[in-house]
Amino acid sequence: MKPIRLDANQPSRLYRGGPAIARFRGVSSSDGYVPEDWVGSTTAIFGKEPRGLTVLPDGRLLRDAIAAEPEAFLGAAHVSRFGADTALLVKLLDAGEQLPVHSHPDRAFAREHLGARYGKSEVWLIVEAGGERPLLHVGFREDVEAETLADWVSRQDHTRMLEALNEVPVAPGDCIYVPGGTPHSIGKGVFMVEVQEPSDLGVMLDWSGFEIGGPEEADMGLGFDVALGCVRRTALGSEELDSWTRRSKYAPEIRPGARSVVPPEAEQFFRAEWLRPEPVVALEPSYSILVVVDGDGRLETRDGALDLARGETVLVPYAAGAGELSGQIEVVRCLPPLPEE
């Protein structure tokens, strides 16, 4: 089984974006509302299946291909823990405007209220940061009372909600972990690789001006009395926020040419490595998604080789075996959690 090049998979969404993905992939862009590319996705958009699911070059849904050969794609140890489930979702995200303030549930909330296996913790790996002062907004700076948050939402006070969040300036190579429950918003001009739990669950705190059907589409069908319970209202201090942040050139090297960009507490959900060959990077057998963020190089595995260039995305099945990456290239390697944890 060989690595598989993946084409763009861009379902329409409620906010503007898409040109940065088109430039990155070297293709034309004709739609201003395709700001996300769901890479190697076995996850559908919440309530809108099959939108979001990846179609392989041979015409099969990736989800169906994995169900037919789970151990070949994922490995026996992974299947023993997770079944025929990648336990991973990867996206490219191009924020063509300031995103609404929103929050994703953690696993406990998702299990209790939605009967879901996964919440939606995620990590953001910044590829481009346009504009004079590209920002992320992550976590409330001070404790927020439940009544205050409910009032902001009912009045759709976008300005007050955004002001209450921590501002995080970013540059290419920065990586920010955002656990489930953390309120956040992504600023205009930020283009990133998102690595996350495989779900599309979220509560929109701020929907005014966006193309959704009002509050009934913003609360995951739970009603806001329940849905707002997924939002962390306690303050996110600078020390904790710093522990969630990695600057890639300072991230710990785990082997020559590979740096881990996920803090230890996030590895129960997913893993991610920033690869820069020196002159090669060894890759152990594992299901993974590769995103080429710069340069060009070559991926060699047991059954063949692929030449790679910026903007390409590749699914590497477990059965492809050990590999080696070489060249003047930077790659984000996205992986599921370790099966033995």
C-alpha atoms as a PDB file:
ATOM      1  CA  MET A   1       0.000   0.000   0.000  1.00  0.00           C
ATOM      2  CA  LYS A   2       1.489   3.317  -1.129  1.00  0.00           C
ATOM      3  CA  PRO A   3       1.066   6.910   0.066  1.00  0.00           C
ATOM      4  CA  ILE A   4      -1.903   8.635  -1.584  1.00  0.00           C
ATOM      5  CA  ARG A   5      -1.945  12.207  -2.903  1.00  0.00           C
ATOM      6  CA  LEU A   6      -5.118  13.967  -1.849  1.00  0.00           C
ATOM      7  CA  ASP A   7      -6.977  16.606  -3.830  1.00  0.00           C
ATOM      8  CA  ALA A   8      -8.617  19.623  -2.220  1.00  0.00           C
ATOM      9  CA  ASN A   9     -11.860  18.922  -0.330  1.00  0.00           C
ATOM     10  CA  GLN A  10     -13.501  22.291   0.338  1.00  0.00           C
ATOM     11  CA  PRO A  11     -17.132  22.272   1.503  1.00  0.00           C
ATOM     12  CA  SER A  12     -18.837  25.654   1.710  1.00  0.00           C
ATOM     13  CA  ARG A  13     -18.864  27.225   5.175  1.00  0.00           C
ATOM     14  CA  LEU A  14     -20.411  30.276   6.830  1.00  0.00           C
ATOM     15  CA  TYR A  15     -17.383  32.601   6.711  1.00  0.00           C
ATOM     16  CA  ARG A  16     -15.229  34.022   3.914  1.00  0.00           C
ATOM     17  CA  GLY A  17     -11.972  32.472   2.780  1.00  0.00           C
ATOM     18  CA  GLY A  18     -10.383  30.191   0.232  1.00  0.00           C
ATOM     19  CA  PRO A  19      -7.923  32.295  -1.806  1.00  0.00           C
ATOM     20  CA  ALA A  20      -4.992  31.408   0.481  1.00  0.00           C
ATOM     21  CA  ILE A  21      -5.766  27.710   0.057  1.00  0.00           C
ATOM     22  CA  ALA A  22      -5.904  28.162  -3.730  1.00  0.00           C
ATOM     23  CA  ARG A  23      -2.542  29.984  -3.749  1.00  0.00           C
ATOM     24  CA  PHE A  24      -1.044  27.350  -1.471  1.00  0.00           C
ATOM     25  CA  ARG A  25      -2.220  24.504  -3.694  1.00  0.00           C
ATOM     26  CA  GLY A  26      -1.492  26.355  -6.938  1.00  0.00           C
ATOM     27  CA  VAL A  27      -5.059  26.251  -8.251  1.00  0.00           C
ATOM     28  CA  SER A  28      -7.696  28.844  -9.144  1.00  0.00           C
ATOM     29  CA  SER A  29     -10.303  29.968  -6.630  1.00  0.00           C
ATOM     30  CA  SER A  30     -13.836  30.957  -7.654  1.00  0.00           C
ATOM     31  CA  ASP A  31     -15.792  30.799  -4.391  1.00  0.00           C
ATOM     32  CA  GLY A  32     -15.285  33.125  -1.439  1.00  0.00           C
ATOM     33  CA  TYR A  33     -16.930  30.773   1.059  1.00  0.00           C
ATOM     34  CA  VAL A  34     -14.667  27.709   0.910  1.00  0.00           C
ATOM     35  CA  PRO A  35     -12.250  28.634   3.721  1.00  0.00           C
ATOM     36  CA  GLU A  36     -11.512  25.078   4.846  1.00  0.00           C
ATOM     37  CA  ASP A  37      -9.898  22.093   3.124  1.00  0.00           C
ATOM     38  CA  TRP A  38     -10.752  18.875   4.983  1.00  0.00           C
ATOM     39  CA  VAL A  39      -7.683  16.721   4.380  1.00  0.00           C
ATOM     40  CA  GLY A  40      -8.004  12.951   4.697  1.00  0.00           C
ATOM     41  CA  SER A  41     -11.393  13.400   6.345  1.00  0.00           C
ATOM     42  CA  THR A  42     -13.578  10.575   7.604  1.00  0.00           C
ATOM     43  CA  THR A  43     -15.691  13.184   9.423  1.00  0.00           C
ATOM     44  CA  ALA A  44     -18.773  14.792   7.918  1.00  0.00           C
ATOM     45  CA  ILE A  45     -20.076  18.296   8.585  1.00  0.00           C
ATOM     46  CA  PHE A  46     -22.423  18.208  11.576  1.00  0.00           C
ATOM     47  CA  GLY A  47     -25.910  17.355  10.332  1.00  0.00           C
ATOM     48  CA  LYS A  48     -24.903  17.505   6.640  1.00  0.00           C
ATOM     49  CA  GLU A  49     -23.356  14.143   5.743  1.00  0.00           C
ATOM     50  CA  PRO A  50     -21.657  13.327   3.352  1.00  0.00           C
ATOM     51  CA  ARG A  51     -20.279  16.877   3.054  1.00  0.00           C
ATOM     52  CA  GLY A  52     -16.749  17.011   4.415  1.00  0.00           C
ATOM     53  CA  LEU A  53     -15.835  13.394   3.657  1.00  0.00           C
ATOM     54  CA  THR A  54     -12.700  12.780   1.574  1.00  0.00           C
ATOM     55  CA  VAL A  55     -13.057  11.013  -1.777  1.00  0.00           C
ATOM     56  CA  LEU A  56      -9.949   9.076  -2.826  1.00  0.00           C
ATOM     57  CA  PRO A  57      -8.534   9.248  -6.371  1.00  0.00           C
ATOM     58  CA  ASP A  58     -10.174   5.869  -7.143  1.00  0.00           C
ATOM     59  CA  GLY A  59     -13.628   7.297  -6.310  1.00  0.00           C
ATOM     60  CA  ARG A  60     -14.128   5.602  -2.927  1.00  0.00           C
ATOM     61  CA  LEU A  61     -14.838   7.484   0.266  1.00  0.00           C
ATOM     62  CA  LEU A  62     -11.762   7.283   2.481  1.00  0.00           C
ATOM     63  CA  ARG A  63     -14.064   6.203   5.315  1.00  0.00           C
ATOM     64  CA  ASP A  64     -15.230   3.190   3.271  1.00  0.00           C
ATOM     65  CA  ALA A  65     -11.702   2.270   2.210  1.00  0.00           C
ATOM     66  CA  ILE A  66     -10.539   2.237   5.822  1.00  0.00           C
ATOM     67  CA  ALA A  67     -13.547   0.191   6.909  1.00  0.00           C
ATOM     68  CA  ALA A  68     -12.616  -2.414   4.265  1.00  0.00           C
ATOM     69  CA  GLU A  69      -8.918  -2.586   5.255  1.00  0.00           C
ATOM     70  CA  PRO A  70      -8.552  -1.067   8.718  1.00  0.00           C
ATOM     71  CA  GLU A  71      -5.269  -2.697   9.701  1.00  0.00           C
ATOM     72  CA  ALA A  72      -3.601  -1.831   6.399  1.00  0.00           C
ATOM     73  CA  PHE A  73      -4.518   1.836   6.770  1.00  0.00           C
ATOM     74  CA  LEU A  74      -4.240   2.211  10.535  1.00  0.00           C
ATOM     75  CA  GLY A  75      -2.177  -0.652  11.967  1.00  0.00           C
ATOM     76  CA  ALA A  76      -3.287  -3.460  14.283  1.00  0.00           C
ATOM     77  CA  ALA A  77      -2.488  -1.615  17.523  1.00  0.00           C
ATOM     78  CA  HIS A  78      -4.493   1.439  16.449  1.00  0.00           C
ATOM     79  CA  VAL A  79      -7.458  -0.713  15.395  1.00  0.00           C
ATOM     80  CA  SER A  80      -7.340  -2.550  18.728  1.00  0.00           C
ATOM     81  CA  ARG A  81      -7.831   0.752  20.554  1.00  0.00           C
ATOM     82  CA  PHE A  82      -9.910   2.874  18.172  1.00  0.00           C
ATOM     83  CA  GLY A  83     -11.477   0.417  15.714  1.00  0.00           C
ATOM     84  CA  ALA A  84     -11.705   1.456  12.041  1.00  0.00           C
ATOM     85  CA  ASP A  85     -11.521   5.102  13.112  1.00  0.00           C
ATOM     86  CA  THR A  86      -8.611   7.411  12.238  1.00  0.00           C
ATOM     87  CA  ALA A  87      -9.094   9.350  15.519  1.00  0.00           C
ATOM     88  CA  LEU A  88      -7.879  12.388  13.565  1.00  0.00           C
ATOM     89  CA  LEU A  89      -9.122  15.291  11.455  1.00  0.00           C
ATOM     90  CA  VAL A  90      -6.809  17.649   9.543  1.00  0.00           C
ATOM     91  CA  LYS A  91      -7.835  20.899   7.853  1.00  0.00           C
ATOM     92  CA  LEU A  92      -6.312  23.806   6.016  1.00  0.00           C
ATOM     93  CA  LEU A  93      -8.059  26.985   7.184  1.00  0.00           C
ATOM     94  CA  ASP A  94      -7.970  30.394   5.491  1.00  0.00           C
ATOM     95  CA  ALA A  95      -9.613  33.121   7.585  1.00  0.00           C
ATOM     96  CA  GLY A  96     -10.813  35.603   4.971  1.00  0.00           C
ATOM     97  CA  GLU A  97     -12.486  37.606   7.731  1.00  0.00           C
ATOM     98  CA  GLN A  98     -12.581  37.695  11.513  1.00  0.00           C
ATOM     99  CA  LEU A  99     -14.268  34.454  12.518  1.00  0.00           C
ATOM    100  CA  PRO A 100     -17.195  34.498  14.937  1.00  0.00           C
ATOM    101  CA  VAL A 101     -16.468  33.807  18.580  1.00  0.00           C
ATOM    102  CA  HIS A 102     -17.230  30.156  19.240  1.00  0.00           C
ATOM    103  CA  SER A 103     -16.319  27.160  21.370  1.00  0.00           C
ATOM    104  CA  HIS A 104     -16.111  23.422  20.845  1.00  0.00           C
ATOM    105  CA  PRO A 105     -17.160  20.914  23.507  1.00  0.00           C
ATOM    106  CA  ASP A 106     -14.675  18.698  25.285  1.00  0.00           C
ATOM    107  CA  ARG A 107     -15.138  14.933  25.280  1.00  0.00           C
ATOM    108  CA  ALA A 108     -17.061  14.785  28.549  1.00  0.00           C
ATOM    109  CA  PHE A 109     -19.659  17.319  27.369  1.00  0.00           C
ATOM    110  CA  ALA A 110     -19.926  15.731  23.910  1.00  0.00           C
ATOM    111  CA  ARG A 111     -20.457  12.283  25.421  1.00  0.00           C
ATOM    112  CA  GLU A 112     -23.042  13.417  27.980  1.00  0.00           C
ATOM    113  CA  HIS A 113     -25.133  15.760  25.844  1.00  0.00           C
ATOM    114  CA  LEU A 114     -24.586  14.561  22.265  1.00  0.00           C
ATOM    115  CA  GLY A 115     -23.723  10.867  22.618  1.00  0.00           C
ATOM    116  CA  ALA A 116     -20.507  11.575  20.701  1.00  0.00           C
ATOM    117  CA  ARG A 117     -17.190   9.783  21.107  1.00  0.00           C
ATOM    118  CA  TYR A 118     -15.106  12.914  20.512  1.00  0.00           C
ATOM    119  CA  GLY A 119     -15.121  16.513  21.538  1.00  0.00           C
ATOM    120  CA  LYS A 120     -13.050  18.960  19.544  1.00  0.00           C
ATOM    121  CA  SER A 121      -9.700  19.902  20.936  1.00  0.00           C
ATOM    122  CA  GLU A 122      -7.392  21.258  18.241  1.00  0.00           C
ATOM    123  CA  VAL A 123      -3.975  22.709  17.508  1.00  0.00           C
ATOM    124  CA  TRP A 124      -3.316  25.530  15.044  1.00  0.00           C
ATOM    125  CA  LEU A 125      -0.060  25.502  13.047  1.00  0.00           C
ATOM    126  CA  ILE A 126       0.390  28.876  11.376  1.00  0.00           C
ATOM    127  CA  VAL A 127       1.514  28.792   7.732  1.00  0.00           C
ATOM    128  CA  GLU A 128       0.840  32.441   6.782  1.00  0.00           C
ATOM    129  CA  ALA A 129      -0.120  35.476   8.856  1.00  0.00           C
ATOM    130  CA  GLY A 130      -1.224  38.395   6.680  1.00  0.00           C
ATOM    131  CA  GLY A 131      -2.086  41.966   7.572  1.00  0.00           C
ATOM    132  CA  GLU A 132      -0.391  44.443   9.866  1.00  0.00           C
ATOM    133  CA  ARG A 133      -1.108  42.597  13.115  1.00  0.00           C
ATOM    134  CA  PRO A 134      -2.412  39.039  12.636  1.00  0.00           C
ATOM    135  CA  LEU A 135      -4.110  37.843  15.793  1.00  0.00           C
ATOM    136  CA  LEU A 136      -5.772  34.878  17.398  1.00  0.00           C
ATOM    137  CA  HIS A 137      -8.194  35.370  20.283  1.00  0.00           C
ATOM    138  CA  VAL A 138      -8.087  32.520  22.801  1.00  0.00           C
ATOM    139  CA  GLY A 139      -9.763  32.106  26.218  1.00  0.00           C
ATOM    140  CA  PHE A 140     -11.282  34.762  28.458  1.00  0.00           C
ATOM    141  CA  ARG A 141      -8.773  37.049  30.191  1.00  0.00           C
ATOM    142  CA  GLU A 142     -10.934  37.179  33.317  1.00  0.00           C
ATOM    143  CA  ASP A 143     -13.624  34.962  34.809  1.00  0.00           C
ATOM    144  CA  VAL A 144     -16.996  35.473  33.119  1.00  0.00           C
ATOM    145  CA  GLU A 145     -20.248  34.797  34.957  1.00  0.00           C
ATOM    146  CA  ALA A 146     -22.773  32.502  33.283  1.00  0.00           C
ATOM    147  CA  GLU A 147     -25.360  35.292  33.241  1.00  0.00           C
ATOM    148  CA  THR A 148     -22.885  37.674  31.595  1.00  0.00           C
ATOM    149  CA  LEU A 149     -22.014  35.226  28.837  1.00  0.00           C
ATOM    150  CA  ALA A 150     -25.688  34.462  28.208  1.00  0.00           C
ATOM    151  CA  ASP A 151     -26.382  38.201  27.976  1.00  0.00           C
ATOM    152  CA  TRP A 152     -23.567  38.749  25.453  1.00  0.00           C
ATOM    153  CA  VAL A 153     -24.936  35.922  23.332  1.00  0.00           C
ATOM    154  CA  SER A 154     -28.562  37.067  23.517  1.00  0.00           C
ATOM    155  CA  ARG A 155     -27.556  40.619  22.518  1.00  0.00           C
ATOM    156  CA  GLN A 156     -25.001  39.331  19.961  1.00  0.00           C
ATOM    157  CA  ASP A 157     -22.382  41.625  21.451  1.00  0.00           C
ATOM    158  CA  HIS A 158     -19.486  40.567  19.209  1.00  0.00           C
ATOM    159  CA  THR A 159     -17.288  43.473  20.293  1.00  0.00           C
ATOM    160  CA  ARG A 160     -17.577  42.728  24.004  1.00  0.00           C
ATOM    161  CA  MET A 161     -16.954  39.001  23.524  1.00  0.00           C
ATOM    162  CA  LEU A 162     -13.888  39.603  21.368  1.00  0.00           C
ATOM    163  CA  GLU A 163     -12.487  42.180  23.808  1.00  0.00           C
ATOM    164  CA  ALA A 164     -12.863  39.698  26.663  1.00  0.00           C
ATOM    165  CA  LEU A 165     -10.541  37.182  24.968  1.00  0.00           C
ATOM    166  CA  ASN A 166      -6.738  37.040  25.142  1.00  0.00           C
ATOM    167  CA  GLU A 167      -5.034  38.488  22.070  1.00  0.00           C
ATOM    168  CA  VAL A 168      -2.283  36.235  20.672  1.00  0.00           C
ATOM    169  CA  PRO A 169      -0.097  37.750  17.899  1.00  0.00           C
ATOM    170  CA  VAL A 170       1.171  35.026  15.561  1.00  0.00           C
ATOM    171  CA  ALA A 171       3.761  34.448  12.849  1.00  0.00           C
ATOM    172  CA  PRO A 172       4.453  31.548  10.472  1.00  0.00           C
ATOM    173  CA  GLY A 173       5.734  28.529  12.383  1.00  0.00           C
ATOM    174  CA  ASP A 174       3.774  29.291  15.560  1.00  0.00           C
ATOM    175  CA  CYS A 175       1.604  26.533  17.021  1.00  0.00           C
ATOM    176  CA  ILE A 176      -1.250  27.090  19.487  1.00  0.00           C
ATOM    177  CA  TYR A 177      -3.117  24.322  21.311  1.00  0.00           C
ATOM    178  CA  VAL A 178      -6.809  25.021  21.978  1.00  0.00           C
ATOM    179  CA  PRO A 179      -8.451  22.443  24.259  1.00  0.00           C
ATOM    180  CA  GLY A 180     -12.150  21.673  23.948  1.00  0.00           C
ATOM    181  CA  GLY A 181     -14.261  24.245  25.773  1.00  0.00           C
ATOM    182  CA  THR A 182     -11.927  27.200  25.131  1.00  0.00           C
ATOM    183  CA  PRO A 183     -13.747  30.157  23.505  1.00  0.00           C
ATOM    184  CA  HIS A 184     -11.830  31.544  20.549  1.00  0.00           C
ATOM    185  CA  SER A 185     -11.814  33.447  17.276  1.00  0.00           C
ATOM    186  CA  ILE A 186      -9.313  33.436  14.393  1.00  0.00           C
ATOM    187  CA  GLY A 187      -8.290  36.754  12.893  1.00  0.00           C
ATOM    188  CA  LYS A 188      -8.482  37.793   9.252  1.00  0.00           C
ATOM    189  CA  GLY A 189      -5.409  36.861   7.220  1.00  0.00           C
ATOM    190  CA  VAL A 190      -4.387  33.809   9.235  1.00  0.00           C
ATOM    191  CA  PHE A 191      -3.797  30.643   7.189  1.00  0.00           C
ATOM    192  CA  MET A 192      -3.135  27.496   9.153  1.00  0.00           C
ATOM    193  CA  VAL A 193      -3.031  23.740   9.353  1.00  0.00           C
ATOM    194  CA  GLU A 194      -5.529  22.567  11.976  1.00  0.00           C
ATOM    195  CA  VAL A 195      -5.022  19.203  13.653  1.00  0.00           C
ATOM    196  CA  GLN A 196      -8.009  18.160  15.735  1.00  0.00           C
ATOM    197  CA  GLU A 197     -10.283  15.512  17.088  1.00  0.00           C
ATOM    198  CA  PRO A 198     -12.535  14.090  14.347  1.00  0.00           C
ATOM    199  CA  SER A 199     -15.749  15.993  15.004  1.00  0.00           C
ATOM    200  CA  ASP A 200     -17.611  19.052  13.735  1.00  0.00           C
ATOM    201  CA  LEU A 201     -19.221  20.060  17.030  1.00  0.00           C
ATOM    202  CA  GLY A 202     -19.322  23.682  18.141  1.00  0.00           C
ATOM    203  CA  VAL A 203     -21.493  26.339  19.740  1.00  0.00           C
ATOM    204  CA  MET A 204     -21.563  29.701  17.984  1.00  0.00           C
ATOM    205  CA  LEU A 205     -21.541  32.532  20.499  1.00  0.00           C
ATOM    206  CA  ASP A 206     -21.563  35.123  17.740  1.00  0.00           C
ATOM    207  CA  TRP A 207     -23.483  34.613  14.496  1.00  0.00           C
ATOM    208  CA  SER A 208     -24.734  38.088  13.582  1.00  0.00           C
ATOM    209  CA  GLY A 209     -23.701  38.898  10.027  1.00  0.00           C
ATOM    210  CA  PHE A 210     -22.938  35.288   9.105  1.00  0.00           C
ATOM    211  CA  GLU A 211     -24.994  33.070   6.833  1.00  0.00           C
ATOM    212  CA  ILE A 212     -26.664  30.794   9.358  1.00  0.00           C
ATOM    213  CA  GLY A 213     -30.283  30.489  10.360  1.00  0.00           C
ATOM    214  CA  GLY A 214     -29.944  32.252  13.701  1.00  0.00           C
ATOM    215  CA  PRO A 215     -29.654  30.752  17.183  1.00  0.00           C
ATOM    216  CA  GLU A 216     -31.393  27.493  16.285  1.00  0.00           C
ATOM    217  CA  GLU A 217     -28.345  26.551  14.172  1.00  0.00           C
ATOM    218  CA  ALA A 218     -25.792  27.865  16.657  1.00  0.00           C
ATOM    219  CA  ASP A 219     -26.404  25.682  19.715  1.00  0.00           C
ATOM    220  CA  MET A 220     -25.912  22.108  18.348  1.00  0.00           C
ATOM    221  CA  GLY A 221     -29.656  21.557  18.819  1.00  0.00           C
ATOM    222  CA  LEU A 222     -29.317  21.658  22.593  1.00  0.00           C
ATOM    223  CA  GLY A 223     -30.698  25.103  23.409  1.00  0.00           C
ATOM    224  CA  PHE A 224     -28.349  27.729  24.803  1.00  0.00           C
ATOM    225  CA  ASP A 225     -29.208  26.926  28.420  1.00  0.00           C
ATOM    226  CA  VAL A 226     -27.365  23.644  27.855  1.00  0.00           C
ATOM    227  CA  ALA A 227     -24.980  24.531  25.015  1.00  0.00           C
ATOM    228  CA  LEU A 228     -23.255  27.362  26.884  1.00  0.00           C
ATOM    229  CA  GLY A 229     -22.250  24.793  29.491  1.00  0.00           C
ATOM    230  CA  CYS A 230     -19.509  23.652  27.100  1.00  0.00           C
ATOM    231  CA  VAL A 231     -17.755  27.039  27.269  1.00  0.00           C
ATOM    232  CA  ARG A 232     -14.868  27.545  29.663  1.00  0.00           C
ATOM    233  CA  ARG A 233     -15.700  30.731  31.580  1.00  0.00           C
ATOM    234  CA  THR A 234     -12.723  30.719  33.961  1.00  0.00           C
ATOM    235  CA  ALA A 235      -9.792  32.965  33.112  1.00  0.00           C
ATOM    236  CA  LEU A 236      -7.008  31.712  30.879  1.00  0.00           C
ATOM    237  CA  GLY A 237      -3.870  33.230  32.362  1.00  0.00           C
ATOM    238  CA  SER A 238      -0.621  34.009  30.564  1.00  0.00           C
ATOM    239  CA  GLU A 239       1.265  31.103  32.119  1.00  0.00           C
ATOM    240  CA  GLU A 240      -1.291  28.541  30.974  1.00  0.00           C
ATOM    241  CA  LEU A 241      -1.567  30.133  27.525  1.00  0.00           C
ATOM    242  CA  ASP A 242       2.228  30.076  27.190  1.00  0.00           C
ATOM    243  CA  SER A 243       2.196  26.345  27.974  1.00  0.00           C
ATOM    244  CA  TRP A 244      -0.170  25.837  25.009  1.00  0.00           C
ATOM    245  CA  THR A 245       2.105  27.757  22.617  1.00  0.00           C
ATOM    246  CA  ARG A 246       5.067  26.514  20.585  1.00  0.00           C
ATOM    247  CA  ARG A 247       7.329  28.528  18.315  1.00  0.00           C
ATOM    248  CA  SER A 248       8.436  25.827  15.880  1.00  0.00           C
ATOM    249  CA  LYS A 249      12.139  26.656  15.837  1.00  0.00           C
ATOM    250  CA  TYR A 250      12.165  26.343  19.629  1.00  0.00           C
ATOM    251  CA  ALA A 251       9.999  23.219  19.825  1.00  0.00           C
ATOM    252  CA  PRO A 252      11.719  20.116  21.224  1.00  0.00           C
ATOM    253  CA  GLU A 253      13.524  17.961  18.662  1.00  0.00           C
ATOM    254  CA  ILE A 254      12.336  14.368  18.962  1.00  0.00           C
ATOM    255  CA  ARG A 255      14.743  13.003  16.312  1.00  0.00           C
ATOM    256  CA  PRO A 256      16.980  14.594  13.680  1.00  0.00           C
ATOM    257  CA  GLY A 257      14.893  16.908  11.510  1.00  0.00           C
ATOM    258  CA  ALA A 258      11.631  16.457  13.454  1.00  0.00           C
ATOM    259  CA  ARG A 259      10.207  18.745  16.133  1.00  0.00           C
ATOM    260  CA  SER A 260       7.105  18.005  18.187  1.00  0.00           C
ATOM    261  CA  VAL A 261       4.747  20.988  18.120  1.00  0.00           C
ATOM    262  CA  VAL A 262       2.008  19.603  20.366  1.00  0.00           C
ATOM    263  CA  PRO A 263       2.280  20.113  24.138  1.00  0.00           C
ATOM    264  CA  PRO A 264       2.294  16.852  26.133  1.00  0.00           C
ATOM    265  CA  GLU A 265      -1.271  17.291  27.431  1.00  0.00           C
ATOM    266  CA  ALA A 266      -2.572  17.382  23.836  1.00  0.00           C
ATOM    267  CA  GLU A 267      -1.017  14.082  22.770  1.00  0.00           C
ATOM    268  CA  GLN A 268      -3.999  12.160  24.161  1.00  0.00           C
ATOM    269  CA  PHE A 269      -5.984  13.745  21.289  1.00  0.00           C
ATOM    270  CA  PHE A 270      -3.514  13.963  18.376  1.00  0.00           C
ATOM    271  CA  ARG A 271       0.144  14.471  17.531  1.00  0.00           C
ATOM    272  CA  ALA A 272       1.915  16.780  15.097  1.00  0.00           C
ATOM    273  CA  GLU A 273       5.511  17.138  13.946  1.00  0.00           C
ATOM    274  CA  TRP A 274       7.223  19.915  11.984  1.00  0.00           C
ATOM    275  CA  LEU A 275       9.726  18.217   9.660  1.00  0.00           C
ATOM    276  CA  ARG A 276      12.833  19.803   8.154  1.00  0.00           C
ATOM    277  CA  PRO A 277      15.219  17.154   6.739  1.00  0.00           C
ATOM    278  CA  GLU A 278      18.833  17.295   7.964  1.00  0.00           C
ATOM    279  CA  PRO A 279      19.424  15.935   5.279  1.00  0.00           C
ATOM    280  CA  VAL A 280      16.708  13.299   5.846  1.00  0.00           C
ATOM    281  CA  VAL A 281      13.954  12.640   8.390  1.00  0.00           C
ATOM    282  CA  ALA A 282      13.075   9.075   9.328  1.00  0.00           C
ATOM    283  CA  LEU A 283       9.365   8.217   9.550  1.00  0.00           C
ATOM    284  CA  GLU A 284       8.206   5.191  11.515  1.00  0.00           C
ATOM    285  CA  PRO A 285       5.214   3.171  10.197  1.00  0.00           C
ATOM    286  CA  SER A 286       2.039   5.063  11.081  1.00  0.00           C
ATOM    287  CA  TYR A 287      -1.167   6.369   9.601  1.00  0.00           C
ATOM    288  CA  SER A 288      -0.467  10.047   8.976  1.00  0.00           C
ATOM    289  CA  ILE A 289      -1.365  13.097   6.904  1.00  0.00           C
ATOM    290  CA  LEU A 290       1.486  15.137   5.419  1.00  0.00           C
ATOM    291  CA  VAL A 291       1.045  18.808   4.502  1.00  0.00           C
ATOM    292  CA  VAL A 292       3.936  20.331   2.539  1.00  0.00           C
ATOM    293  CA  VAL A 293       4.183  23.904   3.815  1.00  0.00           C
ATOM    294  CA  ASP A 294       7.310  24.976   1.929  1.00  0.00           C
ATOM    295  CA  GLY A 295       9.953  23.854  -0.564  1.00  0.00           C
ATOM    296  CA  ASP A 296      10.153  20.538  -2.362  1.00  0.00           C
ATOM    297  CA  GLY A 297      11.550  17.124  -1.621  1.00  0.00           C
ATOM    298  CA  ARG A 298      10.973  13.405  -1.811  1.00  0.00           C
ATOM    299  CA  LEU A 299       9.106  10.845   0.279  1.00  0.00           C
ATOM    300  CA  GLU A 300      10.431   7.303  -0.005  1.00  0.00           C
ATOM    301  CA  THR A 301       8.604   4.299   1.443  1.00  0.00           C
ATOM    302  CA  ARG A 302       8.948   0.555   1.084  1.00  0.00           C
ATOM    303  CA  ASP A 303       6.789   0.333  -2.032  1.00  0.00           C
ATOM    304  CA  GLY A 304       7.724   3.493  -3.885  1.00  0.00           C
ATOM    305  CA  ALA A 305       8.498   7.193  -3.780  1.00  0.00           C
ATOM    306  CA  LEU A 306       6.718  10.513  -4.289  1.00  0.00           C
ATOM    307  CA  ASP A 307       8.168  13.868  -5.272  1.00  0.00           C
ATOM    308  CA  LEU A 308       6.575  16.566  -3.133  1.00  0.00           C
ATOM    309  CA  ALA A 309       6.131  20.333  -3.438  1.00  0.00           C
ATOM    310  CA  ARG A 310       4.522  23.135  -1.448  1.00  0.00           C
ATOM    311  CA  GLY A 311       0.755  22.833  -1.188  1.00  0.00           C
ATOM    312  CA  GLU A 312       0.539  19.076  -1.608  1.00  0.00           C
ATOM    313  CA  THR A 313      -1.196  16.825   0.896  1.00  0.00           C
ATOM    314  CA  VAL A 314      -0.512  13.111   1.242  1.00  0.00           C
ATOM    315  CA  LEU A 315      -2.120  10.289   3.214  1.00  0.00           C
ATOM    316  CA  VAL A 316       0.437   7.715   4.386  1.00  0.00           C
ATOM    317  CA  PRO A 317      -1.155   4.371   5.370  1.00  0.00           C
ATOM    318  CA  TYR A 318       0.408   2.261   8.093  1.00  0.00           C
ATOM    319  CA  ALA A 319       1.094  -0.527   5.571  1.00  0.00           C
ATOM    320  CA  ALA A 320       3.340   1.776   3.553  1.00  0.00           C
ATOM    321  CA  GLY A 321       5.921   0.951   6.211  1.00  0.00           C
ATOM    322  CA  ALA A 322       8.830   3.037   7.393  1.00  0.00           C
ATOM    323  CA  GLY A 323       9.730   6.043   5.264  1.00  0.00           C
ATOM    324  CA  GLU A 324      12.253   8.766   4.731  1.00  0.00           C
ATOM    325  CA  LEU A 325      11.759  12.402   3.783  1.00  0.00           C
ATOM    326  CA  SER A 326      14.531  14.354   2.069  1.00  0.00           C
ATOM    327  CA  GLY A 327      15.084  17.652   0.264  1.00  0.00           C
ATOM    328  CA  GLN A 328      14.763  21.377   0.928  1.00  0.00           C
ATOM    329  CA  ILE A 329      11.280  20.980   2.326  1.00  0.00           C
ATOM    330  CA  GLU A 330       9.116  21.718   5.355  1.00  0.00           C
ATOM    331  CA  VAL A 331       6.275  19.349   6.157  1.00  0.00           C
ATOM    332  CA  VAL A 332       3.668  19.206   8.900  1.00  0.00           C
ATOM    333  CA  ARG A 333       3.087  15.560   9.785  1.00  0.00           C
ATOM    334  CA  CYS A 334      -0.266  14.984  11.498  1.00  0.00           C
ATOM    335  CA  LEU A 335      -0.829  11.778  13.472  1.00  0.00           C
ATOM    336  CA  PRO A 336      -3.465  10.188  15.691  1.00  0.00           C
ATOM    337  CA  PRO A 337      -2.724   9.610  19.364  1.00  0.00           C
ATOM    338  CA  LEU A 338      -0.448   6.708  20.221  1.00  0.00           C
ATOM    339  CA  PRO A 339      -2.471   3.487  20.464  1.00  0.00           C
ATOM    340  CA  GLU A 340      -0.918   2.316  23.721  1.00  0.00           C
ATOM    341  CA  GLU A 341      -1.928   5.381  25.764  1.00  0.00           C
END
